[in-house]
Amino acid sequence: MMKNTFHRRDLLARSALGVGAIALAGVQGDNDRLAAAETNQSANSLTAREPHFPATAKRVIHFFLNGGPSHVDTFDPKPLLAKYAGKPLANTLTTERKTGAAFPSPFTFRRYGESGIEVSDLFKRTAEHIDDIAVIRSMHAQVPNHEPSLMLMNCGDSVQTRPSMGSWLLYGLGTENQNLPGFVAMCPGGLPIKDNENWQSGFLPGAYQGTYIDSQHKEFRRMIENIEHPQVSTRDQRRQLDLLQSWNRRHQQSRSDDRLDARIQSYELAFRMQHDAQAAFDVSDEPRHVQELYGSGVHGRQTLIARRLLERGVRYVQLWHGAGQPWDNHENIKDNHQKLADQLDQPIAALLTDLKQRGMLEDTLVLWGGEFGRTPTVELGAGGDPKQGRDHNHWGFSVWMAGGGIKGGTVHGSTDEFGFQAVENRTSVHDLHATMLHCLGLDHTRLTYRYGGRDFRLTDVHGNVIHNILS
């Protein structure tokens, strides 16, 4: 009979649990924030829950174009820029850097579908699905800087540490597959600006934090490290974990601390993932025509993986693009935007086609966009020479949504005639979040969590549902 000659913490340090690194990653960074959390009784539960009202969507896939794609070069045509090319434009709006004259788009816009919505040649394959897409051309953020704008778009607040959209969704609806993470963030080649704060759980229990996957790797065991142990059998891991969890539960009985409960759940999830994760992440069993539909690049592969995750009940999948080479094109936007769009256009179109053929688009909400847009004027270098790129523009930009209760073939709002700022049906990030939650059957004013003495929500005290883009 084994003697208890060392403490539980010593066992953690000495044990060879292959799932340990995954489990700890799921709660990394939450300890200090969760210590003060005033939680609801079932806060850590990942069990699937009913929405506030009948939903039109039950899952989300978010294409995040890190760095800020140019709206006037993608989904918001501004023909007047060509008329005034090289001429100064009256503009009193502040930007982060000095810009000069009107800079017409180097890309051609064409009308697509029965709706006749104009889209640039950068996304000509995606544009073939425009009748399923609602383009919001009147988005605006708060500041022309990446870090706060990333936090605003992902977490609803540009200053304070807040839970991400995916974490709020898990908190509100739970997950439909207990053997896979309910919230997955795939970002090939490293972390984006603000790192894993983009998918943090904030003051929500750590069980709701997103799971980061470095999808640059093809081999499953490199994509999800430490998923298997080279020496310890699954049976022995189960025995080790049962012992560890019994000590954790005993330790928990005299305490009320969500950090411990989140850690317990993370270990259990990491163990169960050994069985189900490979089946979800290994695309080799997909028919050849499906693999060719998505393309052979890393973004085609991770988009196909995302569809497989959604099929298996994962609630929120975020696909990052441009982490290593962002859409932050201050110079030579023609070549740089073209290169980036070439990586992404086919996978997006493939996903929309695939979801539609499988009957999944009708209850899957697809979101495309970055943290802000770019200026319609050319950015100037140190000597005042045009750099053939664009500066950050938070005053006006575009995103689009499809599927899951969205009225396709529609355009909501507009920027001014040059694309400087949103002027018609101005839409905040809070409005976007409120609309997404509405599609998922959640009232953004009722999805709250008590922390620090008051009730918080994703949209803070703001946000209005954009009803005219809903079907």
Protein backbone atom coordinates (compact mmCIF):
# COMPACT_ATOMS: atom_id res chain seq x y z
CA MET A 1 0.00 0.00 0.00
CA MET A 2 1.45 3.35 -1.03
CA LYS A 3 2.39 5.70 1.76
CA ASN A 4 1.55 9.35 1.43
CA THR A 5 5.13 10.56 1.94
CA PHE A 6 4.85 13.72 -0.16
CA HIS A 7 2.27 16.37 -0.75
CA ARG A 8 -0.18 16.72 -3.63
CA ARG A 9 1.96 19.50 -5.10
CA ASP A 10 4.99 17.20 -5.08
CA LEU A 11 3.02 14.54 -6.93
CA LEU A 12 2.13 17.07 -9.61
CA ALA A 13 5.79 17.96 -10.01
CA ARG A 14 6.97 14.35 -10.19
CA SER A 15 4.15 12.65 -12.06
CA ALA A 16 4.47 12.02 -15.78
CA LEU A 17 0.96 12.88 -16.84
CA GLY A 18 1.16 13.57 -20.55
CA VAL A 19 -1.97 15.71 -20.39
CA GLY A 20 -0.61 18.07 -17.75
CA ALA A 21 0.73 20.76 -20.07
CA ILE A 22 -2.56 20.98 -21.96
CA ALA A 23 -4.56 21.22 -18.75
CA LEU A 24 -2.44 23.96 -17.25
CA ALA A 25 -2.52 25.93 -20.49
CA GLY A 26 -6.30 26.03 -20.25
CA VAL A 27 -6.18 27.99 -17.02
CA GLN A 28 -2.98 29.96 -17.56
CA GLY A 29 -3.26 33.59 -16.60
CA ASP A 30 -6.56 33.28 -14.75
CA ASN A 31 -5.36 32.76 -11.18
CA ASP A 32 -5.21 36.35 -9.99
CA ARG A 33 -8.42 37.39 -11.72
CA LEU A 34 -10.44 34.41 -10.56
CA ALA A 35 -9.41 34.73 -6.94
CA ALA A 36 -11.82 37.63 -6.44
CA ALA A 37 -14.63 36.33 -8.63
CA GLU A 38 -18.13 36.18 -7.19
CA THR A 39 -19.58 33.37 -9.25
CA ASN A 40 -22.95 31.79 -9.86
CA GLN A 41 -23.61 28.30 -8.50
CA SER A 42 -23.09 26.40 -11.74
CA ALA A 43 -20.59 28.83 -13.21
CA ASN A 44 -18.03 26.19 -14.18
CA SER A 45 -20.51 23.85 -15.87
CA LEU A 46 -19.76 23.14 -19.52
CA THR A 47 -22.96 21.17 -19.99
CA ALA A 48 -25.02 22.39 -22.95
CA ARG A 49 -27.72 24.81 -21.80
CA GLU A 50 -30.85 26.26 -23.36
CA PRO A 51 -30.66 29.82 -24.76
CA HIS A 52 -32.90 32.65 -23.58
CA PHE A 53 -35.08 32.29 -26.68
CA PRO A 54 -35.11 30.17 -29.87
CA ALA A 55 -31.80 30.62 -31.67
CA THR A 56 -31.02 30.81 -35.38
CA ALA A 57 -27.39 29.82 -34.79
CA LYS A 58 -25.78 27.42 -32.38
CA ARG A 59 -22.10 27.80 -33.25
CA VAL A 60 -19.68 30.49 -34.50
CA ILE A 61 -16.65 30.55 -36.76
CA HIS A 62 -14.72 33.81 -36.75
CA PHE A 63 -12.14 34.70 -39.41
CA PHE A 64 -9.97 37.29 -37.69
CA LEU A 65 -7.77 39.29 -40.09
CA ASN A 66 -5.10 40.47 -37.71
CA GLY A 67 -3.74 43.96 -38.37
CA GLY A 68 -6.71 45.65 -39.99
CA PRO A 69 -7.69 44.92 -43.61
CA SER A 70 -8.53 47.92 -45.76
CA HIS A 71 -12.29 48.32 -46.21
CA VAL A 72 -11.84 50.53 -49.29
CA ASP A 73 -9.87 47.70 -50.94
CA THR A 74 -12.21 44.83 -50.02
CA PHE A 75 -15.93 45.38 -49.33
CA ASP A 76 -16.48 49.17 -49.44
CA PRO A 77 -15.92 50.61 -52.95
CA LYS A 78 -15.09 54.31 -53.19
CA PRO A 79 -14.91 55.35 -56.87
CA LEU A 80 -14.39 59.02 -55.94
CA LEU A 81 -10.91 58.14 -54.75
CA ALA A 82 -9.95 57.57 -58.39
CA LYS A 83 -11.39 60.95 -59.39
CA TYR A 84 -9.39 62.74 -56.70
CA ALA A 85 -6.28 60.57 -56.94
CA GLY A 86 -3.19 62.44 -55.83
CA LYS A 87 -5.22 65.38 -54.57
CA PRO A 88 -5.59 66.41 -50.91
CA LEU A 89 -8.92 65.63 -49.24
CA ALA A 90 -10.58 67.70 -46.56
CA ASN A 91 -10.34 65.62 -43.42
CA THR A 92 -10.27 66.67 -39.76
CA LEU A 93 -10.12 63.14 -38.36
CA THR A 94 -6.96 62.18 -36.53
CA THR A 95 -4.94 59.15 -37.57
CA GLU A 96 -1.94 57.53 -35.96
CA ARG A 97 0.47 58.59 -38.72
CA LYS A 98 0.62 61.35 -41.29
CA THR A 99 -1.25 60.68 -44.52
CA GLY A 100 -1.41 62.60 -47.77
CA ALA A 101 -3.58 62.65 -50.88
CA ALA A 102 -6.45 60.44 -52.00
CA PHE A 103 -5.23 56.92 -52.72
CA PRO A 104 -7.58 54.98 -55.04
CA SER A 105 -7.82 51.23 -54.63
CA PRO A 106 -5.45 49.29 -56.89
CA PHE A 107 -8.09 46.54 -57.02
CA THR A 108 -11.17 46.32 -59.21
CA PHE A 109 -14.64 46.13 -57.67
CA ARG A 110 -17.35 44.10 -59.42
CA ARG A 111 -20.99 43.34 -58.73
CA TYR A 112 -21.84 39.80 -57.67
CA GLY A 113 -24.96 37.72 -57.20
CA GLU A 114 -28.58 38.70 -57.50
CA SER A 115 -28.00 41.38 -54.86
CA GLY A 116 -25.35 43.09 -57.03
CA ILE A 117 -23.18 43.96 -54.03
CA GLU A 118 -19.74 45.19 -55.05
CA VAL A 119 -16.68 43.31 -53.83
CA SER A 120 -13.06 43.75 -54.89
CA ASP A 121 -11.10 41.15 -56.82
CA LEU A 122 -9.15 40.42 -53.64
CA PHE A 123 -12.07 38.24 -52.51
CA LYS A 124 -13.62 37.19 -55.80
CA ARG A 125 -14.24 33.59 -54.65
CA THR A 126 -15.84 34.73 -51.42
CA ALA A 127 -17.89 37.22 -53.46
CA GLU A 128 -19.58 34.34 -55.26
CA HIS A 129 -21.42 33.77 -51.95
CA ILE A 130 -22.45 37.42 -51.52
CA ASP A 131 -26.16 36.53 -51.56
CA ASP A 132 -25.54 34.67 -48.29
CA ILE A 133 -23.55 37.54 -46.79
CA ALA A 134 -24.54 40.72 -44.94
CA VAL A 135 -21.84 43.39 -45.22
CA ILE A 136 -21.70 45.97 -42.44
CA ARG A 137 -19.93 49.01 -43.92
CA SER A 138 -20.42 51.35 -40.98
CA MET A 139 -18.35 49.80 -38.21
CA HIS A 140 -16.33 52.06 -35.92
CA ALA A 141 -13.96 51.43 -33.02
CA GLN A 142 -12.50 53.74 -30.37
CA VAL A 143 -8.81 54.37 -31.06
CA PRO A 144 -6.41 53.82 -34.02
CA ASN A 145 -4.16 51.38 -32.15
CA HIS A 146 -3.98 47.60 -32.51
CA GLU A 147 -3.89 46.52 -28.86
CA PRO A 148 -7.03 48.27 -27.57
CA SER A 149 -8.91 47.62 -30.82
CA LEU A 150 -8.12 43.90 -30.67
CA MET A 151 -9.40 43.80 -27.10
CA LEU A 152 -12.53 45.71 -28.05
CA MET A 153 -13.34 43.39 -30.94
CA ASN A 154 -12.59 40.19 -29.06
CA CYS A 155 -13.50 41.09 -25.48
CA GLY A 156 -15.85 44.09 -25.66
CA ASP A 157 -13.55 46.49 -23.79
CA SER A 158 -10.46 48.31 -25.05
CA VAL A 159 -8.99 49.08 -21.61
CA GLN A 160 -10.04 46.64 -18.89
CA THR A 161 -9.33 42.91 -18.78
CA ARG A 162 -12.59 41.29 -19.85
CA PRO A 163 -13.75 37.83 -20.99
CA SER A 164 -13.67 37.15 -24.71
CA MET A 165 -16.72 36.60 -26.90
CA GLY A 166 -16.01 32.87 -27.08
CA SER A 167 -15.80 32.63 -23.29
CA TRP A 168 -19.10 34.46 -22.88
CA LEU A 169 -20.69 32.07 -25.35
CA LEU A 170 -19.43 29.01 -23.47
CA TYR A 171 -20.66 30.52 -20.22
CA GLY A 172 -24.10 31.12 -21.70
CA LEU A 173 -24.61 27.95 -23.73
CA GLY A 174 -22.02 25.40 -22.63
CA THR A 175 -20.65 22.93 -25.15
CA GLU A 176 -22.16 20.00 -27.03
CA ASN A 177 -19.02 17.84 -26.82
CA GLN A 178 -17.40 17.24 -23.45
CA ASN A 179 -14.38 15.55 -25.09
CA LEU A 180 -13.21 18.61 -27.02
CA PRO A 181 -12.64 22.23 -25.97
CA GLY A 182 -15.78 24.28 -26.47
CA PHE A 183 -13.73 27.29 -27.64
CA VAL A 184 -10.75 26.87 -29.97
CA ALA A 185 -8.42 29.58 -31.31
CA MET A 186 -6.23 28.46 -34.21
CA CYS A 187 -3.36 30.81 -34.96
CA PRO A 188 -0.58 29.40 -37.15
CA GLY A 189 3.00 30.42 -36.61
CA GLY A 190 2.72 32.05 -33.21
CA LEU A 191 0.53 34.35 -31.16
CA PRO A 192 -0.99 37.63 -32.41
CA ILE A 193 -0.73 41.02 -30.74
CA LYS A 194 -1.99 40.75 -27.12
CA ASP A 195 -1.27 37.03 -27.24
CA ASN A 196 -3.78 34.78 -25.48
CA GLU A 197 -5.60 37.77 -24.00
CA ASN A 198 -7.61 37.63 -27.24
CA TRP A 199 -9.29 34.40 -26.08
CA GLN A 200 -9.04 34.90 -22.33
CA SER A 201 -11.83 34.04 -19.88
CA GLY A 202 -11.09 37.15 -17.80
CA PHE A 203 -13.11 37.04 -14.58
CA LEU A 204 -15.19 34.13 -15.85
CA PRO A 205 -14.07 30.70 -14.59
CA GLY A 206 -10.98 29.36 -16.33
CA ALA A 207 -12.95 26.48 -17.86
CA TYR A 208 -14.31 28.97 -20.41
CA GLN A 209 -10.94 30.14 -21.73
CA GLY A 210 -10.13 29.41 -25.36
CA THR A 211 -7.70 26.62 -26.24
CA TYR A 212 -4.84 27.80 -28.47
CA ILE A 213 -3.77 25.58 -31.37
CA ASP A 214 -0.68 26.31 -33.47
CA SER A 215 -2.16 25.09 -36.74
CA GLN A 216 1.00 25.62 -38.80
CA HIS A 217 1.84 21.98 -38.07
CA LYS A 218 0.39 19.12 -40.09
CA GLU A 219 1.24 16.40 -37.61
CA PHE A 220 -1.42 16.06 -34.95
CA ARG A 221 1.05 15.47 -32.09
CA ARG A 222 2.87 18.70 -32.90
CA MET A 223 -0.34 20.67 -33.31
CA ILE A 224 -1.46 19.61 -29.82
CA GLU A 225 1.65 18.97 -27.79
CA ASN A 226 1.72 16.49 -24.91
CA ILE A 227 -1.57 14.94 -25.97
CA GLU A 228 -0.09 11.47 -25.47
CA HIS A 229 2.54 10.10 -23.10
CA PRO A 230 5.31 8.03 -24.67
CA GLN A 231 5.62 5.64 -21.69
CA VAL A 232 2.59 5.81 -19.42
CA SER A 233 -0.46 3.89 -20.64
CA THR A 234 -3.92 5.42 -20.81
CA ARG A 235 -5.03 3.11 -18.01
CA ASP A 236 -2.19 4.22 -15.71
CA GLN A 237 -2.85 7.87 -16.56
CA ARG A 238 -6.46 7.35 -15.55
CA ARG A 239 -5.37 5.90 -12.21
CA GLN A 240 -2.97 8.78 -11.60
CA LEU A 241 -5.60 11.32 -12.53
CA ASP A 242 -8.24 9.68 -10.31
CA LEU A 243 -5.87 9.93 -7.35
CA LEU A 244 -5.01 13.53 -8.12
CA GLN A 245 -8.63 14.50 -8.60
CA SER A 246 -9.68 12.83 -5.33
CA TRP A 247 -7.12 15.00 -3.52
CA ASN A 248 -8.28 18.07 -5.40
CA ARG A 249 -11.91 17.39 -4.48
CA ARG A 250 -11.00 16.87 -0.85
CA HIS A 251 -9.01 20.10 -0.92
CA GLN A 252 -11.99 21.85 -2.52
CA GLN A 253 -14.52 20.81 0.15
CA SER A 254 -13.27 23.40 2.63
CA ARG A 255 -12.89 26.15 0.05
CA SER A 256 -14.89 28.08 -2.51
CA ASP A 257 -12.42 28.75 -5.30
CA ASP A 258 -13.25 28.49 -8.99
CA ARG A 259 -9.60 28.23 -9.90
CA LEU A 260 -9.47 24.74 -8.47
CA ASP A 261 -12.70 23.64 -10.12
CA ALA A 262 -11.47 24.99 -13.46
CA ARG A 263 -8.21 23.09 -13.06
CA ILE A 264 -10.03 19.87 -12.24
CA GLN A 265 -12.16 20.22 -15.37
CA SER A 266 -9.12 21.09 -17.49
CA TYR A 267 -7.32 17.90 -16.45
CA GLU A 268 -10.39 15.82 -17.22
CA LEU A 269 -10.88 17.47 -20.60
CA ALA A 270 -7.21 17.00 -21.51
CA PHE A 271 -7.48 13.30 -20.67
CA ARG A 272 -10.65 12.82 -22.72
CA MET A 273 -9.10 14.71 -25.66
CA GLN A 274 -6.63 11.84 -26.14
CA HIS A 275 -9.47 9.84 -27.64
CA ASP A 276 -11.44 12.42 -29.64
CA ALA A 277 -8.97 15.13 -30.62
CA GLN A 278 -7.05 13.22 -33.26
CA ALA A 279 -10.25 12.30 -35.08
CA ALA A 280 -11.19 15.97 -35.22
CA PHE A 281 -7.82 17.46 -36.19
CA ASP A 282 -6.61 14.83 -38.65
CA VAL A 283 -8.03 15.78 -42.07
CA SER A 284 -6.40 12.89 -43.92
CA ASP A 285 -9.66 10.94 -43.93
CA GLU A 286 -11.46 13.71 -45.80
CA PRO A 287 -12.24 12.89 -49.47
CA ARG A 288 -9.70 14.27 -51.93
CA HIS A 289 -12.24 16.60 -53.54
CA VAL A 290 -12.98 18.18 -50.16
CA GLN A 291 -9.30 18.72 -49.40
CA GLU A 292 -8.82 20.26 -52.84
CA LEU A 293 -11.84 22.49 -52.27
CA TYR A 294 -10.16 24.08 -49.23
CA GLY A 295 -6.66 24.12 -50.71
CA SER A 296 -3.35 22.74 -49.56
CA GLY A 297 -2.10 25.75 -47.58
CA VAL A 298 -2.14 26.11 -43.83
CA HIS A 299 -5.27 28.29 -43.89
CA GLY A 300 -7.13 25.84 -46.06
CA ARG A 301 -6.20 23.05 -43.67
CA GLN A 302 -7.14 24.94 -40.50
CA THR A 303 -10.46 26.02 -42.03
CA LEU A 304 -11.25 22.40 -42.84
CA ILE A 305 -10.32 21.45 -39.28
CA ALA A 306 -12.66 24.18 -38.06
CA ARG A 307 -15.56 22.65 -39.98
CA ARG A 308 -14.76 19.26 -38.40
CA LEU A 309 -14.73 20.84 -34.94
CA LEU A 310 -18.06 22.55 -35.54
CA GLU A 311 -19.54 19.24 -36.67
CA ARG A 312 -18.43 17.70 -33.39
CA GLY A 313 -20.15 20.25 -31.20
CA VAL A 314 -17.41 22.84 -30.59
CA ARG A 315 -19.20 26.10 -29.89
CA TYR A 316 -16.75 28.80 -31.04
CA VAL A 317 -13.82 28.52 -33.45
CA GLN A 318 -11.62 31.51 -34.17
CA LEU A 319 -9.33 31.33 -37.20
CA TRP A 320 -6.50 33.85 -37.11
CA HIS A 321 -4.92 35.11 -40.28
CA GLY A 322 -1.88 37.36 -40.48
CA ALA A 323 -0.36 36.67 -37.06
CA GLY A 324 3.17 36.46 -38.49
CA GLN A 325 2.54 38.73 -41.48
CA PRO A 326 -0.41 40.93 -40.53
CA TRP A 327 -2.80 42.93 -42.68
CA ASP A 328 -1.15 46.02 -41.21
CA ASN A 329 0.04 47.23 -44.62
CA HIS A 330 1.41 50.73 -44.16
CA GLU A 331 3.29 50.41 -47.45
CA ASN A 332 2.89 48.59 -50.76
CA ILE A 333 -0.68 47.62 -49.99
CA LYS A 334 -1.24 46.33 -53.51
CA ASP A 335 1.23 43.45 -53.25
CA ASN A 336 0.82 42.81 -49.55
CA HIS A 337 -2.99 42.72 -49.48
CA GLN A 338 -2.99 40.57 -52.62
CA LYS A 339 -0.64 38.03 -51.06
CA LEU A 340 -2.69 37.81 -47.87
CA ALA A 341 -6.03 37.58 -49.66
CA ASP A 342 -4.71 34.80 -51.89
CA GLN A 343 -4.13 32.71 -48.76
CA LEU A 344 -7.63 33.23 -47.41
CA ASP A 345 -10.11 33.71 -50.25
CA GLN A 346 -10.30 30.05 -51.30
CA PRO A 347 -10.68 28.64 -47.75
CA ILE A 348 -13.49 31.07 -46.92
CA ALA A 349 -15.38 30.27 -50.11
CA ALA A 350 -14.79 26.55 -49.53
CA LEU A 351 -16.19 26.75 -46.02
CA LEU A 352 -19.34 28.56 -47.14
CA THR A 353 -19.83 25.99 -49.90
CA ASP A 354 -19.15 23.05 -47.60
CA LEU A 355 -21.41 24.28 -44.79
CA LYS A 356 -24.21 24.91 -47.24
CA GLN A 357 -23.93 21.45 -48.80
CA ARG A 358 -24.00 19.85 -45.35
CA GLY A 359 -26.99 21.88 -44.18
CA MET A 360 -24.84 23.54 -41.51
CA LEU A 361 -24.76 27.13 -42.77
CA GLU A 362 -28.30 27.74 -41.59
CA ASP A 363 -27.25 27.33 -37.94
CA THR A 364 -23.58 28.37 -38.13
CA LEU A 365 -22.74 32.05 -37.76
CA VAL A 366 -19.72 33.11 -39.83
CA LEU A 367 -17.94 36.38 -39.02
CA TRP A 368 -15.16 38.02 -41.09
CA GLY A 369 -13.16 41.11 -40.18
CA GLY A 370 -10.26 42.70 -38.33
CA GLU A 371 -9.87 45.21 -35.50
CA PHE A 372 -10.32 48.31 -37.72
CA GLY A 373 -9.96 49.54 -41.30
CA ARG A 374 -7.45 51.72 -43.13
CA THR A 375 -7.33 55.28 -44.40
CA PRO A 376 -8.48 56.25 -47.92
CA THR A 377 -5.46 58.55 -48.07
CA VAL A 378 -1.91 57.35 -48.67
CA GLU A 379 0.48 57.07 -45.76
CA LEU A 380 3.57 59.30 -45.96
CA GLY A 381 7.12 58.29 -45.11
CA ALA A 382 9.61 60.23 -43.01
CA GLY A 383 10.49 62.47 -45.95
CA GLY A 384 6.89 63.03 -46.94
CA ASP A 385 7.00 60.55 -49.82
CA PRO A 386 3.97 58.29 -50.36
CA LYS A 387 4.55 54.73 -49.11
CA GLN A 388 1.73 53.29 -51.26
CA GLY A 389 0.05 51.99 -48.11
CA ARG A 390 -2.63 53.09 -45.69
CA ASP A 391 -2.66 54.04 -42.00
CA HIS A 392 -5.00 52.65 -39.32
CA ASN A 393 -8.59 53.87 -39.46
CA HIS A 394 -10.95 53.19 -36.56
CA TRP A 395 -13.47 55.82 -37.71
CA GLY A 396 -15.01 53.51 -40.30
CA PHE A 397 -14.49 49.96 -41.56
CA SER A 398 -16.30 46.82 -42.72
CA VAL A 399 -17.07 43.36 -41.41
CA TRP A 400 -19.46 40.76 -42.75
CA MET A 401 -21.54 37.90 -41.40
CA ALA A 402 -23.24 34.93 -43.04
CA GLY A 403 -25.41 31.96 -42.06
CA GLY A 404 -27.13 31.45 -38.70
CA GLY A 405 -30.09 33.80 -39.15
CA ILE A 406 -28.32 36.48 -41.21
CA LYS A 407 -30.16 37.99 -44.18
CA GLY A 408 -27.81 37.45 -47.08
CA GLY A 409 -27.34 39.88 -49.96
CA THR A 410 -27.69 42.91 -47.70
CA VAL A 411 -25.56 45.95 -46.88
CA HIS A 412 -25.92 47.76 -43.58
CA GLY A 413 -24.73 51.33 -43.18
CA SER A 414 -22.06 53.24 -45.06
CA THR A 415 -18.98 55.35 -44.70
CA ASP A 416 -18.71 58.81 -46.28
CA GLU A 417 -18.01 59.22 -49.99
CA PHE A 418 -14.27 58.69 -49.52
CA GLY A 419 -14.37 56.08 -46.75
CA PHE A 420 -12.98 58.13 -43.88
CA GLN A 421 -15.72 57.47 -41.32
CA ALA A 422 -19.03 55.71 -40.74
CA VAL A 423 -21.92 58.11 -41.37
CA GLU A 424 -25.08 56.08 -42.01
CA ASN A 425 -26.37 53.54 -39.45
CA ARG A 426 -23.13 53.81 -37.48
CA THR A 427 -22.43 50.44 -35.90
CA SER A 428 -20.32 49.89 -32.82
CA VAL A 429 -18.52 46.72 -31.82
CA HIS A 430 -21.07 46.43 -29.00
CA ASP A 431 -23.85 46.41 -31.61
CA LEU A 432 -22.03 43.64 -33.48
CA HIS A 433 -21.67 41.56 -30.31
CA ALA A 434 -25.30 42.13 -29.33
CA THR A 435 -26.39 40.93 -32.78
CA MET A 436 -24.22 37.83 -32.65
CA LEU A 437 -25.56 36.89 -29.23
CA HIS A 438 -29.10 37.47 -30.47
CA CYS A 439 -28.57 34.98 -33.31
CA LEU A 440 -27.36 32.51 -30.70
CA GLY A 441 -30.54 32.95 -28.67
CA LEU A 442 -28.97 35.11 -25.97
CA ASP A 443 -30.20 38.51 -24.80
CA HIS A 444 -27.01 40.52 -24.37
CA THR A 445 -28.57 42.47 -21.49
CA ARG A 446 -29.38 39.26 -19.59
CA LEU A 447 -26.14 37.37 -20.17
CA THR A 448 -24.41 38.71 -17.05
CA TYR A 449 -21.84 37.57 -14.52
CA ARG A 450 -21.43 38.98 -11.04
CA TYR A 451 -17.92 40.13 -10.33
CA GLY A 452 -16.45 42.76 -8.03
CA GLY A 453 -19.86 43.72 -6.66
CA ARG A 454 -21.74 44.29 -9.90
CA ASP A 455 -23.11 42.46 -12.92
CA PHE A 456 -20.97 42.54 -16.06
CA ARG A 457 -21.84 41.64 -19.63
CA LEU A 458 -20.01 41.41 -22.95
CA THR A 459 -21.59 44.63 -24.22
CA ASP A 460 -21.09 46.53 -20.93
CA VAL A 461 -23.94 49.10 -20.89
CA HIS A 462 -24.10 49.49 -24.66
CA GLY A 463 -25.19 47.61 -27.76
CA ASN A 464 -28.25 47.36 -29.99
CA VAL A 465 -29.21 44.38 -32.14
CA ILE A 466 -28.94 45.15 -35.88
CA HIS A 467 -32.37 43.82 -36.83
CA ASN A 468 -32.30 44.75 -40.52
CA ILE A 469 -29.57 42.18 -41.27
CA LEU A 470 -31.52 39.36 -39.60
CA SER A 471 -33.62 36.98 -41.67
